[in-house]
Amino acid sequence: MARYTLDTDTCSYLMKRSSPPVLRRLQTVAVTDVCISVITKSELLYGVEVSPRRAQDLAALVAFLPYVEVRDFPDDAASHYTEIRADLKRRGALIGANDMLIAAHAPQPRPGAGHE
């Protein structure tokens, strides 16, 4: 199971090779430990569609996608989304709707497990 769910910005940094710290960090992670949500894939495809450098950005996306698992939005992600959104509402802290949907794909920590 993937341990790291990349968001849209992180994927963009990787595809453009524009953030050396992000590139270095990802080089320490097995490719099988990395995934993106179907929402992130949709955002990346949208970015290509409206890009003034469409051909270049499409080539980068096509080269990137085979290396990451794209996770669907199953029932357990929907439940996780509900928990995240309700918790944020109780705290009075909100994040963007797509960010919450992406976060819902993140593996839930096991009790007693450390976090990275």
PDB file of N, CA and C in Angstrom:
ATOM      1  N   MET A   1       0.843  -1.183   0.000  1.00  0.00           N
ATOM      2  CA  MET A   1       0.000   0.000   0.000  1.00  0.00           C
ATOM      3  C   MET A   1       0.885   1.242   0.000  1.00  0.00           C
ATOM      4  N   ALA A   2       0.501   2.212  -0.796  1.00  0.00           N
ATOM      5  CA  ALA A   2       1.254   3.464  -0.883  1.00  0.00           C
ATOM      6  C   ALA A   2       1.277   4.165   0.468  1.00  0.00           C
ATOM      7  N   ARG A   3       2.414   4.758   0.796  1.00  0.00           N
ATOM      8  CA  ARG A   3       2.556   5.472   2.065  1.00  0.00           C
ATOM      9  C   ARG A   3       2.474   6.979   1.884  1.00  0.00           C
ATOM     10  N   TYR A   4       2.670   7.456   0.662  1.00  0.00           N
ATOM     11  CA  TYR A   4       2.701   8.896   0.412  1.00  0.00           C
ATOM     12  C   TYR A   4       1.703   9.240  -0.685  1.00  0.00           C
ATOM     13  N   THR A   5       0.771  10.123  -0.370  1.00  0.00           N
ATOM     14  CA  THR A   5      -0.188  10.617  -1.345  1.00  0.00           C
ATOM     15  C   THR A   5       0.250  12.024  -1.725  1.00  0.00           C
ATOM     16  N   LEU A   6       0.647  12.185  -2.972  1.00  0.00           N
ATOM     17  CA  LEU A   6       1.148  13.478  -3.439  1.00  0.00           C
ATOM     18  C   LEU A   6      -0.014  14.377  -3.836  1.00  0.00           C
ATOM     19  N   ASP A   7       0.107  15.657  -3.513  1.00  0.00           N
ATOM     20  CA  ASP A   7      -0.904  16.618  -3.939  1.00  0.00           C
ATOM     21  C   ASP A   7      -0.528  17.188  -5.304  1.00  0.00           C
ATOM     22  N   THR A   8      -1.403  17.999  -5.842  1.00  0.00           N
ATOM     23  CA  THR A   8      -1.205  18.534  -7.192  1.00  0.00           C
ATOM     24  C   THR A   8       0.051  19.389  -7.295  1.00  0.00           C
ATOM     25  N   ASP A   9       0.285  20.258  -6.306  1.00  0.00           N
ATOM     26  CA  ASP A   9       1.473  21.112  -6.353  1.00  0.00           C
ATOM     27  C   ASP A   9       2.756  20.284  -6.354  1.00  0.00           C
ATOM     28  N   THR A  10       2.808  19.261  -5.507  1.00  0.00           N
ATOM     29  CA  THR A  10       4.000  18.417  -5.443  1.00  0.00           C
ATOM     30  C   THR A  10       4.224  17.719  -6.777  1.00  0.00           C
ATOM     31  N   CYS A  11       3.158  17.219  -7.389  1.00  0.00           N
ATOM     32  CA  CYS A  11       3.286  16.578  -8.706  1.00  0.00           C
ATOM     33  C   CYS A  11       3.805  17.573  -9.738  1.00  0.00           C
ATOM     34  N   SER A  12       3.309  18.788  -9.692  1.00  0.00           N
ATOM     35  CA  SER A  12       3.769  19.820 -10.634  1.00  0.00           C
ATOM     36  C   SER A  12       5.251  20.108 -10.440  1.00  0.00           C
ATOM     37  N   TYR A  13       5.689  20.213  -9.180  1.00  0.00           N
ATOM     38  CA  TYR A  13       7.116  20.438  -8.906  1.00  0.00           C
ATOM     39  C   TYR A  13       7.953  19.305  -9.488  1.00  0.00           C
ATOM     40  N   LEU A  14       7.462  18.080  -9.332  1.00  0.00           N
ATOM     41  CA  LEU A  14       8.207  16.929  -9.833  1.00  0.00           C
ATOM     42  C   LEU A  14       8.265  16.931 -11.354  1.00  0.00           C
ATOM     43  N   MET A  15       7.133  17.175 -11.989  1.00  0.00           N
ATOM     44  CA  MET A  15       7.091  17.140 -13.453  1.00  0.00           C
ATOM     45  C   MET A  15       7.922  18.266 -14.067  1.00  0.00           C
ATOM     46  N   LYS A  16       7.947  19.411 -13.403  1.00  0.00           N
ATOM     47  CA  LYS A  16       8.721  20.554 -13.912  1.00  0.00           C
ATOM     48  C   LYS A  16      10.150  20.559 -13.390  1.00  0.00           C
ATOM     49  N   ARG A  17      10.430  19.668 -12.415  1.00  0.00           N
ATOM     50  CA  ARG A  17      11.737  19.594 -11.778  1.00  0.00           C
ATOM     51  C   ARG A  17      12.124  20.965 -11.216  1.00  0.00           C
ATOM     52  N   SER A  18      11.122  21.626 -10.606  1.00  0.00           N
ATOM     53  CA  SER A  18      11.324  23.008 -10.160  1.00  0.00           C
ATOM     54  C   SER A  18      11.611  23.149  -8.668  1.00  0.00           C
ATOM     55  N   SER A  19      11.635  22.037  -7.939  1.00  0.00           N
ATOM     56  CA  SER A  19      11.889  22.125  -6.506  1.00  0.00           C
ATOM     57  C   SER A  19      12.920  21.064  -6.101  1.00  0.00           C
ATOM     58  N   PRO A  20      14.197  21.447  -6.043  1.00  0.00           N
ATOM     59  CA  PRO A  20      15.223  20.464  -5.653  1.00  0.00           C
ATOM     60  C   PRO A  20      14.937  19.762  -4.328  1.00  0.00           C
ATOM     61  N   PRO A  21      14.430  20.451  -3.286  1.00  0.00           N
ATOM     62  CA  PRO A  21      14.136  19.718  -2.043  1.00  0.00           C
ATOM     63  C   PRO A  21      13.082  18.618  -2.234  1.00  0.00           C
ATOM     64  N   VAL A  22      12.047  18.902  -3.020  1.00  0.00           N
ATOM     65  CA  VAL A  22      11.010  17.903  -3.264  1.00  0.00           C
ATOM     66  C   VAL A  22      11.601  16.735  -4.047  1.00  0.00           C
ATOM     67  N   LEU A  23      12.405  17.032  -5.051  1.00  0.00           N
ATOM     68  CA  LEU A  23      13.035  15.968  -5.838  1.00  0.00           C
ATOM     69  C   LEU A  23      13.934  15.100  -4.968  1.00  0.00           C
ATOM     70  N   ARG A  24      14.747  15.726  -4.121  1.00  0.00           N
ATOM     71  CA  ARG A  24      15.638  14.964  -3.238  1.00  0.00           C
ATOM     72  C   ARG A  24      14.840  14.069  -2.298  1.00  0.00           C
ATOM     73  N   ARG A  25      13.778  14.614  -1.731  1.00  0.00           N
ATOM     74  CA  ARG A  25      12.966  13.839  -0.782  1.00  0.00           C
ATOM     75  C   ARG A  25      12.340  12.633  -1.469  1.00  0.00           C
ATOM     76  N   LEU A  26      11.797  12.841  -2.661  1.00  0.00           N
ATOM     77  CA  LEU A  26      11.130  11.747  -3.350  1.00  0.00           C
ATOM     78  C   LEU A  26      12.122  10.674  -3.801  1.00  0.00           C
ATOM     79  N   GLN A  27      13.364  11.052  -4.046  1.00  0.00           N
ATOM     80  CA  GLN A  27      14.373  10.072  -4.433  1.00  0.00           C
ATOM     81  C   GLN A  27      14.675   9.082  -3.307  1.00  0.00           C
ATOM     82  N   THR A  28      14.273   9.406  -2.078  1.00  0.00           N
ATOM     83  CA  THR A  28      14.511   8.514  -0.946  1.00  0.00           C
ATOM     84  C   THR A  28      13.345   7.554  -0.718  1.00  0.00           C
ATOM     85  N   VAL A  29      12.313   7.653  -1.548  1.00  0.00           N
ATOM     86  CA  VAL A  29      11.091   6.872  -1.369  1.00  0.00           C
ATOM     87  C   VAL A  29      10.935   5.896  -2.534  1.00  0.00           C
ATOM     88  N   ALA A  30      10.567   4.664  -2.228  1.00  0.00           N
ATOM     89  CA  ALA A  30      10.298   3.682  -3.282  1.00  0.00           C
ATOM     90  C   ALA A  30       9.095   4.119  -4.108  1.00  0.00           C
ATOM     91  N   VAL A  31       9.178   3.951  -5.407  1.00  0.00           N
ATOM     92  CA  VAL A  31       8.097   4.373  -6.290  1.00  0.00           C
ATOM     93  C   VAL A  31       6.791   3.665  -5.926  1.00  0.00           C
ATOM     94  N   THR A  32       6.866   2.466  -5.383  1.00  0.00           N
ATOM     95  CA  THR A  32       5.663   1.737  -4.978  1.00  0.00           C
ATOM     96  C   THR A  32       5.013   2.334  -3.738  1.00  0.00           C
ATOM     97  N   ASP A  33       5.708   3.246  -3.065  1.00  0.00           N
ATOM     98  CA  ASP A  33       5.164   3.904  -1.870  1.00  0.00           C
ATOM     99  C   ASP A  33       4.502   5.234  -2.186  1.00  0.00           C
ATOM    100  N   VAL A  34       4.356   5.565  -3.464  1.00  0.00           N
ATOM    101  CA  VAL A  34       3.828   6.864  -3.870  1.00  0.00           C
ATOM    102  C   VAL A  34       2.542   6.675  -4.665  1.00  0.00           C
ATOM    103  N   CYS A  35       1.553   7.522  -4.365  1.00  0.00           N
ATOM    104  CA  CYS A  35       0.316   7.495  -5.139  1.00  0.00           C
ATOM    105  C   CYS A  35      -0.223   8.921  -5.262  1.00  0.00           C
ATOM    106  N   ILE A  36      -1.222   9.060  -6.111  1.00  0.00           N
ATOM    107  CA  ILE A  36      -1.988  10.298  -6.204  1.00  0.00           C
ATOM    108  C   ILE A  36      -3.459   9.912  -6.209  1.00  0.00           C
ATOM    109  N   SER A  37      -4.293  10.853  -5.870  1.00  0.00           N
ATOM    110  CA  SER A  37      -5.732  10.591  -5.926  1.00  0.00           C
ATOM    111  C   SER A  37      -6.236  10.868  -7.338  1.00  0.00           C
ATOM    112  N   VAL A  38      -7.384  10.330  -7.634  1.00  0.00           N
ATOM    113  CA  VAL A  38      -8.010  10.596  -8.922  1.00  0.00           C
ATOM    114  C   VAL A  38      -8.329  12.090  -9.040  1.00  0.00           C
ATOM    115  N   ILE A  39      -8.549  12.760  -7.922  1.00  0.00           N
ATOM    116  CA  ILE A  39      -8.799  14.205  -7.939  1.00  0.00           C
ATOM    117  C   ILE A  39      -7.542  14.943  -8.384  1.00  0.00           C
ATOM    118  N   THR A  40      -6.381  14.532  -7.860  1.00  0.00           N
ATOM    119  CA  THR A  40      -5.123  15.143  -8.281  1.00  0.00           C
ATOM    120  C   THR A  40      -4.894  14.909  -9.773  1.00  0.00           C
ATOM    121  N   LYS A  41      -5.154  13.703 -10.246  1.00  0.00           N
ATOM    122  CA  LYS A  41      -5.003  13.431 -11.679  1.00  0.00           C
ATOM    123  C   LYS A  41      -5.900  14.366 -12.487  1.00  0.00           C
ATOM    124  N   SER A  42      -7.125  14.555 -12.024  1.00  0.00           N
ATOM    125  CA  SER A  42      -8.049  15.466 -12.719  1.00  0.00           C
ATOM    126  C   SER A  42      -7.505  16.887 -12.744  1.00  0.00           C
ATOM    127  N   GLU A  43      -6.961  17.347 -11.617  1.00  0.00           N
ATOM    128  CA  GLU A  43      -6.395  18.696 -11.570  1.00  0.00           C
ATOM    129  C   GLU A  43      -5.194  18.821 -12.506  1.00  0.00           C
ATOM    130  N   LEU A  44      -4.364  17.782 -12.574  1.00  0.00           N
ATOM    131  CA  LEU A  44      -3.208  17.820 -13.475  1.00  0.00           C
ATOM    132  C   LEU A  44      -3.653  17.844 -14.932  1.00  0.00           C
ATOM    133  N   LEU A  45      -4.665  17.043 -15.269  1.00  0.00           N
ATOM    134  CA  LEU A  45      -5.192  17.043 -16.642  1.00  0.00           C
ATOM    135  C   LEU A  45      -5.796  18.405 -16.997  1.00  0.00           C
ATOM    136  N   TYR A  46      -6.495  19.003 -16.049  1.00  0.00           N
ATOM    137  CA  TYR A  46      -7.050  20.340 -16.265  1.00  0.00           C
ATOM    138  C   TYR A  46      -5.928  21.344 -16.503  1.00  0.00           C
ATOM    139  N   GLY A  47      -4.875  21.266 -15.692  1.00  0.00           N
ATOM    140  CA  GLY A  47      -3.740  22.171 -15.872  1.00  0.00           C
ATOM    141  C   GLY A  47      -3.136  22.070 -17.253  1.00  0.00           C
ATOM    142  N   VAL A  48      -3.030  20.855 -17.770  1.00  0.00           N
ATOM    143  CA  VAL A  48      -2.517  20.652 -19.133  1.00  0.00           C
ATOM    144  C   VAL A  48      -3.466  21.289 -20.140  1.00  0.00           C
ATOM    145  N   GLU A  49      -4.749  21.065 -19.944  1.00  0.00           N
ATOM    146  CA  GLU A  49      -5.753  21.558 -20.905  1.00  0.00           C
ATOM    147  C   GLU A  49      -5.726  23.076 -21.052  1.00  0.00           C
ATOM    148  N   VAL A  50      -5.479  23.804 -19.973  1.00  0.00           N
ATOM    149  CA  VAL A  50      -5.505  25.270 -20.034  1.00  0.00           C
ATOM    150  C   VAL A  50      -4.106  25.885 -20.116  1.00  0.00           C
ATOM    151  N   SER A  51      -3.092  25.061 -20.209  1.00  0.00           N
ATOM    152  CA  SER A  51      -1.713  25.552 -20.228  1.00  0.00           C
ATOM    153  C   SER A  51      -1.341  26.190 -21.568  1.00  0.00           C
ATOM    154  N   PRO A  52      -0.604  27.290 -21.517  1.00  0.00           N
ATOM    155  CA  PRO A  52      -0.092  27.854 -22.763  1.00  0.00           C
ATOM    156  C   PRO A  52       1.014  26.979 -23.356  1.00  0.00           C
ATOM    157  N   ARG A  53       1.577  26.083 -22.538  1.00  0.00           N
ATOM    158  CA  ARG A  53       2.606  25.131 -23.011  1.00  0.00           C
ATOM    159  C   ARG A  53       2.023  23.727 -23.007  1.00  0.00           C
ATOM    160  N   ARG A  54       0.873  23.587 -23.601  1.00  0.00           N
ATOM    161  CA  ARG A  54       0.097  22.344 -23.528  1.00  0.00           C
ATOM    162  C   ARG A  54       0.900  21.116 -23.930  1.00  0.00           C
ATOM    163  N   ALA A  55       1.568  21.152 -25.056  1.00  0.00           N
ATOM    164  CA  ALA A  55       2.305  19.972 -25.540  1.00  0.00           C
ATOM    165  C   ALA A  55       3.411  19.570 -24.563  1.00  0.00           C
ATOM    166  N   GLN A  56       4.138  20.548 -24.062  1.00  0.00           N
ATOM    167  CA  GLN A  56       5.227  20.277 -23.120  1.00  0.00           C
ATOM    168  C   GLN A  56       4.677  19.716 -21.804  1.00  0.00           C
ATOM    169  N   ASP A  57       3.614  20.329 -21.302  1.00  0.00           N
ATOM    170  CA  ASP A  57       3.039  19.873 -20.040  1.00  0.00           C
ATOM    171  C   ASP A  57       2.378  18.498 -20.175  1.00  0.00           C
ATOM    172  N   LEU A  58       1.759  18.237 -21.317  1.00  0.00           N
ATOM    173  CA  LEU A  58       1.167  16.926 -21.555  1.00  0.00           C
ATOM    174  C   LEU A  58       2.254  15.850 -21.600  1.00  0.00           C
ATOM    175  N   ALA A  59       3.355  16.148 -22.251  1.00  0.00           N
ATOM    176  CA  ALA A  59       4.464  15.180 -22.307  1.00  0.00           C
ATOM    177  C   ALA A  59       4.990  14.882 -20.905  1.00  0.00           C
ATOM    178  N   ALA A  60       5.099  15.902 -20.064  1.00  0.00           N
ATOM    179  CA  ALA A  60       5.574  15.698 -18.694  1.00  0.00           C
ATOM    180  C   ALA A  60       4.583  14.845 -17.899  1.00  0.00           C
ATOM    181  N   LEU A  61       3.291  15.093 -18.074  1.00  0.00           N
ATOM    182  CA  LEU A  61       2.277  14.324 -17.358  1.00  0.00           C
ATOM    183  C   LEU A  61       2.260  12.869 -17.828  1.00  0.00           C
ATOM    184  N   VAL A  62       2.339  12.671 -19.122  1.00  0.00           N
ATOM    185  CA  VAL A  62       2.352  11.306 -19.674  1.00  0.00           C
ATOM    186  C   VAL A  62       3.577  10.537 -19.173  1.00  0.00           C
ATOM    187  N   ALA A  63       4.690  11.225 -19.016  1.00  0.00           N
ATOM    188  CA  ALA A  63       5.900  10.577 -18.498  1.00  0.00           C
ATOM    189  C   ALA A  63       5.790  10.295 -17.004  1.00  0.00           C
ATOM    190  N   PHE A  64       5.059  11.110 -16.286  1.00  0.00           N
ATOM    191  CA  PHE A  64       4.936  10.996 -14.831  1.00  0.00           C
ATOM    192  C   PHE A  64       3.951   9.909 -14.390  1.00  0.00           C
ATOM    193  N   LEU A  65       2.802   9.838 -15.029  1.00  0.00           N
ATOM    194  CA  LEU A  65       1.713   8.979 -14.568  1.00  0.00           C
ATOM    195  C   LEU A  65       2.050   7.489 -14.432  1.00  0.00           C
ATOM    196  N   PRO A  66       2.869   6.908 -15.305  1.00  0.00           N
ATOM    197  CA  PRO A  66       3.161   5.474 -15.122  1.00  0.00           C
ATOM    198  C   PRO A  66       3.888   5.141 -13.815  1.00  0.00           C
ATOM    199  N   TYR A  67       4.436   6.142 -13.158  1.00  0.00           N
ATOM    200  CA  TYR A  67       5.222   5.900 -11.957  1.00  0.00           C
ATOM    201  C   TYR A  67       4.443   6.055 -10.652  1.00  0.00           C
ATOM    202  N   VAL A  68       3.185   6.430 -10.744  1.00  0.00           N
ATOM    203  CA  VAL A  68       2.395   6.593  -9.533  1.00  0.00           C
ATOM    204  C   VAL A  68       1.082   5.831  -9.655  1.00  0.00           C
ATOM    205  N   GLU A  69       0.669   5.262  -8.553  1.00  0.00           N
ATOM    206  CA  GLU A  69      -0.646   4.635  -8.489  1.00  0.00           C
ATOM    207  C   GLU A  69      -1.680   5.754  -8.416  1.00  0.00           C
ATOM    208  N   VAL A  70      -2.734   5.659  -9.208  1.00  0.00           N
ATOM    209  CA  VAL A  70      -3.828   6.624  -9.140  1.00  0.00           C
ATOM    210  C   VAL A  70      -4.959   5.944  -8.384  1.00  0.00           C
ATOM    211  N   ARG A  71      -5.280   6.493  -7.223  1.00  0.00           N
ATOM    212  CA  ARG A  71      -6.288   5.877  -6.364  1.00  0.00           C
ATOM    213  C   ARG A  71      -7.667   6.429  -6.672  1.00  0.00           C
ATOM    214  N   ASP A  72      -8.612   5.521  -6.840  1.00  0.00           N
ATOM    215  CA  ASP A  72     -10.009   5.905  -7.036  1.00  0.00           C
ATOM    216  C   ASP A  72     -10.562   6.493  -5.744  1.00  0.00           C
ATOM    217  N   PHE A  73     -11.816   6.879  -5.771  1.00  0.00           N
ATOM    218  CA  PHE A  73     -12.450   7.430  -4.586  1.00  0.00           C
ATOM    219  C   PHE A  73     -13.451   6.415  -4.045  1.00  0.00           C
ATOM    220  N   PRO A  74     -12.965   5.440  -3.295  1.00  0.00           N
ATOM    221  CA  PRO A  74     -13.848   4.390  -2.775  1.00  0.00           C
ATOM    222  C   PRO A  74     -14.622   4.854  -1.539  1.00  0.00           C
ATOM    223  N   ASP A  75     -15.491   3.990  -1.065  1.00  0.00           N
ATOM    224  CA  ASP A  75     -16.320   4.308   0.104  1.00  0.00           C
ATOM    225  C   ASP A  75     -15.484   4.681   1.323  1.00  0.00           C
ATOM    226  N   ASP A  76     -14.351   3.984   1.558  1.00  0.00           N
ATOM    227  CA  ASP A  76     -13.573   4.315   2.746  1.00  0.00           C
ATOM    228  C   ASP A  76     -12.970   5.712   2.650  1.00  0.00           C
ATOM    229  N   ALA A  77     -12.654   6.154   1.438  1.00  0.00           N
ATOM    230  CA  ALA A  77     -12.167   7.526   1.268  1.00  0.00           C
ATOM    231  C   ALA A  77     -13.295   8.517   1.535  1.00  0.00           C
ATOM    232  N   ALA A  78     -14.498   8.179   1.124  1.00  0.00           N
ATOM    233  CA  ALA A  78     -15.642   9.055   1.388  1.00  0.00           C
ATOM    234  C   ALA A  78     -15.867   9.206   2.894  1.00  0.00           C
ATOM    235  N   SER A  79     -15.743   8.110   3.625  1.00  0.00           N
ATOM    236  CA  SER A  79     -15.892   8.171   5.082  1.00  0.00           C
ATOM    237  C   SER A  79     -14.770   8.982   5.714  1.00  0.00           C
ATOM    238  N   HIS A  80     -13.551   8.785   5.222  1.00  0.00           N
ATOM    239  CA  HIS A  80     -12.405   9.529   5.746  1.00  0.00           C
ATOM    240  C   HIS A  80     -12.588  11.027   5.480  1.00  0.00           C
ATOM    241  N   TYR A  81     -13.066  11.365   4.290  1.00  0.00           N
ATOM    242  CA  TYR A  81     -13.362  12.757   3.937  1.00  0.00           C
ATOM    243  C   TYR A  81     -14.337  13.364   4.943  1.00  0.00           C
ATOM    244  N   THR A  82     -15.379  12.619   5.279  1.00  0.00           N
ATOM    245  CA  THR A  82     -16.379  13.102   6.231  1.00  0.00           C
ATOM    246  C   THR A  82     -15.751  13.405   7.580  1.00  0.00           C
ATOM    247  N   GLU A  83     -14.883  12.500   8.054  1.00  0.00           N
ATOM    248  CA  GLU A  83     -14.209  12.697   9.339  1.00  0.00           C
ATOM    249  C   GLU A  83     -13.313  13.935   9.311  1.00  0.00           C
ATOM    250  N   ILE A  84     -12.551  14.087   8.237  1.00  0.00           N
ATOM    251  CA  ILE A  84     -11.643  15.237   8.104  1.00  0.00           C
ATOM    252  C   ILE A  84     -12.442  16.539   8.099  1.00  0.00           C
ATOM    253  N   ARG A  85     -13.476  16.580   7.276  1.00  0.00           N
ATOM    254  CA  ARG A  85     -14.253  17.809   7.145  1.00  0.00           C
ATOM    255  C   ARG A  85     -14.955  18.175   8.444  1.00  0.00           C
ATOM    256  N   ALA A  86     -15.527  17.194   9.127  1.00  0.00           N
ATOM    257  CA  ALA A  86     -16.211  17.455  10.392  1.00  0.00           C
ATOM    258  C   ALA A  86     -15.218  17.926  11.448  1.00  0.00           C
ATOM    259  N   ASP A  87     -14.053  17.300  11.506  1.00  0.00           N
ATOM    260  CA  ASP A  87     -13.040  17.705  12.475  1.00  0.00           C
ATOM    261  C   ASP A  87     -12.582  19.139  12.205  1.00  0.00           C
ATOM    262  N   LEU A  88     -12.348  19.471  10.950  1.00  0.00           N
ATOM    263  CA  LEU A  88     -11.937  20.834  10.617  1.00  0.00           C
ATOM    264  C   LEU A  88     -13.021  21.846  10.968  1.00  0.00           C
ATOM    265  N   LYS A  89     -14.276  21.490  10.724  1.00  0.00           N
ATOM    266  CA  LYS A  89     -15.375  22.408  11.054  1.00  0.00           C
ATOM    267  C   LYS A  89     -15.425  22.654  12.558  1.00  0.00           C
ATOM    268  N   ARG A  90     -15.271  21.597  13.352  1.00  0.00           N
ATOM    269  CA  ARG A  90     -15.274  21.748  14.808  1.00  0.00           C
ATOM    270  C   ARG A  90     -14.150  22.672  15.267  1.00  0.00           C
ATOM    271  N   ARG A  91     -13.014  22.616  14.586  1.00  0.00           N
ATOM    272  CA  ARG A  91     -11.864  23.447  14.952  1.00  0.00           C
ATOM    273  C   ARG A  91     -11.962  24.860  14.389  1.00  0.00           C
ATOM    274  N   GLY A  92     -12.885  25.055  13.444  1.00  0.00           N
ATOM    275  CA  GLY A  92     -12.998  26.359  12.807  1.00  0.00           C
ATOM    276  C   GLY A  92     -11.932  26.586  11.745  1.00  0.00           C
ATOM    277  N   ALA A  93     -11.311  25.524  11.310  1.00  0.00           N
ATOM    278  CA  ALA A  93     -10.264  25.613  10.287  1.00  0.00           C
ATOM    279  C   ALA A  93     -10.749  24.906   9.030  1.00  0.00           C
ATOM    280  N   LEU A  94     -10.721  25.597   7.940  1.00  0.00           N
ATOM    281  CA  LEU A  94     -11.164  25.004   6.683  1.00  0.00           C
ATOM    282  C   LEU A  94     -10.024  24.997   5.674  1.00  0.00           C
ATOM    283  N   ILE A  95     -10.048  23.995   4.809  1.00  0.00           N
ATOM    284  CA  ILE A  95      -9.121  23.953   3.681  1.00  0.00           C
ATOM    285  C   ILE A  95      -9.969  23.822   2.428  1.00  0.00           C
ATOM    286  N   GLY A  96      -9.341  23.944   1.286  1.00  0.00           N
ATOM    287  CA  GLY A  96     -10.071  23.868   0.031  1.00  0.00           C
ATOM    288  C   GLY A  96     -10.758  22.523  -0.160  1.00  0.00           C
ATOM    289  N   ALA A  97     -11.857  22.527  -0.888  1.00  0.00           N
ATOM    290  CA  ALA A  97     -12.636  21.303  -1.099  1.00  0.00           C
ATOM    291  C   ALA A  97     -11.803  20.213  -1.761  1.00  0.00           C
ATOM    292  N   ASN A  98     -11.056  20.551  -2.795  1.00  0.00           N
ATOM    293  CA  ASN A  98     -10.234  19.533  -3.451  1.00  0.00           C
ATOM    294  C   ASN A  98      -9.141  19.026  -2.520  1.00  0.00           C
ATOM    295  N   ASP A  99      -8.566  19.903  -1.717  1.00  0.00           N
ATOM    296  CA  ASP A  99      -7.553  19.460  -0.759  1.00  0.00           C
ATOM    297  C   ASP A  99      -8.139  18.446   0.217  1.00  0.00           C
ATOM    298  N   MET A 100      -9.381  18.663   0.645  1.00  0.00           N
ATOM    299  CA  MET A 100     -10.007  17.698   1.552  1.00  0.00           C
ATOM    300  C   MET A 100     -10.251  16.371   0.853  1.00  0.00           C
ATOM    301  N   LEU A 101     -10.683  16.420  -0.402  1.00  0.00           N
ATOM    302  CA  LEU A 101     -10.911  15.177  -1.136  1.00  0.00           C
ATOM    303  C   LEU A 101      -9.604  14.412  -1.323  1.00  0.00           C
ATOM    304  N   ILE A 102      -8.535  15.152  -1.612  1.00  0.00           N
ATOM    305  CA  ILE A 102      -7.226  14.512  -1.759  1.00  0.00           C
ATOM    306  C   ILE A 102      -6.787  13.918  -0.421  1.00  0.00           C
ATOM    307  N   ALA A 103      -6.952  14.662   0.652  1.00  0.00           N
ATOM    308  CA  ALA A 103      -6.557  14.174   1.973  1.00  0.00           C
ATOM    309  C   ALA A 103      -7.323  12.914   2.346  1.00  0.00           C
ATOM    310  N   ALA A 104      -8.539  12.773   1.874  1.00  0.00           N
ATOM    311  CA  ALA A 104      -9.341  11.597   2.191  1.00  0.00           C
ATOM    312  C   ALA A 104      -8.710  10.314   1.660  1.00  0.00           C
ATOM    313  N   HIS A 105      -7.848  10.429   0.669  1.00  0.00           N
ATOM    314  CA  HIS A 105      -7.163   9.263   0.116  1.00  0.00           C
ATOM    315  C   HIS A 105      -5.967   8.833   0.955  1.00  0.00           C
ATOM    316  N   ALA A 106      -5.489   9.725   1.795  1.00  0.00           N
ATOM    317  CA  ALA A 106      -4.291   9.415   2.583  1.00  0.00           C
ATOM    318  C   ALA A 106      -4.588   8.243   3.502  1.00  0.00           C
ATOM    319  N   PRO A 107      -3.640   7.326   3.604  1.00  0.00           N
ATOM    320  CA  PRO A 107      -3.860   6.187   4.503  1.00  0.00           C
ATOM    321  C   PRO A 107      -4.077   6.670   5.927  1.00  0.00           C
ATOM    322  N   GLN A 108      -5.023   6.088   6.599  1.00  0.00           N
ATOM    323  CA  GLN A 108      -5.283   6.447   7.984  1.00  0.00           C
ATOM    324  C   GLN A 108      -4.204   5.815   8.849  1.00  0.00           C
ATOM    325  N   PRO A 109      -3.669   6.580   9.804  1.00  0.00           N
ATOM    326  CA  PRO A 109      -2.615   6.032  10.664  1.00  0.00           C
ATOM    327  C   PRO A 109      -3.166   4.905  11.529  1.00  0.00           C
ATOM    328  N   ARG A 110      -2.320   3.906  11.734  1.00  0.00           N
ATOM    329  CA  ARG A 110      -2.672   2.812  12.638  1.00  0.00           C
ATOM    330  C   ARG A 110      -2.455   3.302  14.068  1.00  0.00           C
ATOM    331  N   PRO A 111      -3.295   2.904  14.993  1.00  0.00           N
ATOM    332  CA  PRO A 111      -3.101   3.312  16.397  1.00  0.00           C
ATOM    333  C   PRO A 111      -1.703   2.940  16.870  1.00  0.00           C
ATOM    334  N   GLY A 112      -1.022   3.903  17.474  1.00  0.00           N
ATOM    335  CA  GLY A 112       0.317   3.661  17.993  1.00  0.00           C
ATOM    336  C   GLY A 112       1.428   3.772  16.971  1.00  0.00           C
ATOM    337  N   ALA A 113       1.075   3.962  15.696  1.00  0.00           N
ATOM    338  CA  ALA A 113       2.086   4.063  14.648  1.00  0.00           C
ATOM    339  C   ALA A 113       2.645   5.468  14.626  1.00  0.00           C
ATOM    340  N   GLY A 114       3.927   5.602  14.353  1.00  0.00           N
ATOM    341  CA  GLY A 114       4.548   6.924  14.234  1.00  0.00           C
ATOM    342  C   GLY A 114       4.147   7.581  12.931  1.00  0.00           C
ATOM    343  N   HIS A 115       4.268   8.876  12.875  1.00  0.00           N
ATOM    344  CA  HIS A 115       3.941   9.634  11.661  1.00  0.00           C
ATOM    345  C   HIS A 115       5.199  10.209  11.081  1.00  0.00           C
ATOM    346  N   GLU A 116       5.244  10.277   9.747  1.00  0.00           N
ATOM    347  CA  GLU A 116       6.398  10.898   9.082  1.00  0.00           C
ATOM    348  C   GLU A 116       6.073  12.286   8.660  1.00  0.00           C
TER     349      GLU A 116
END
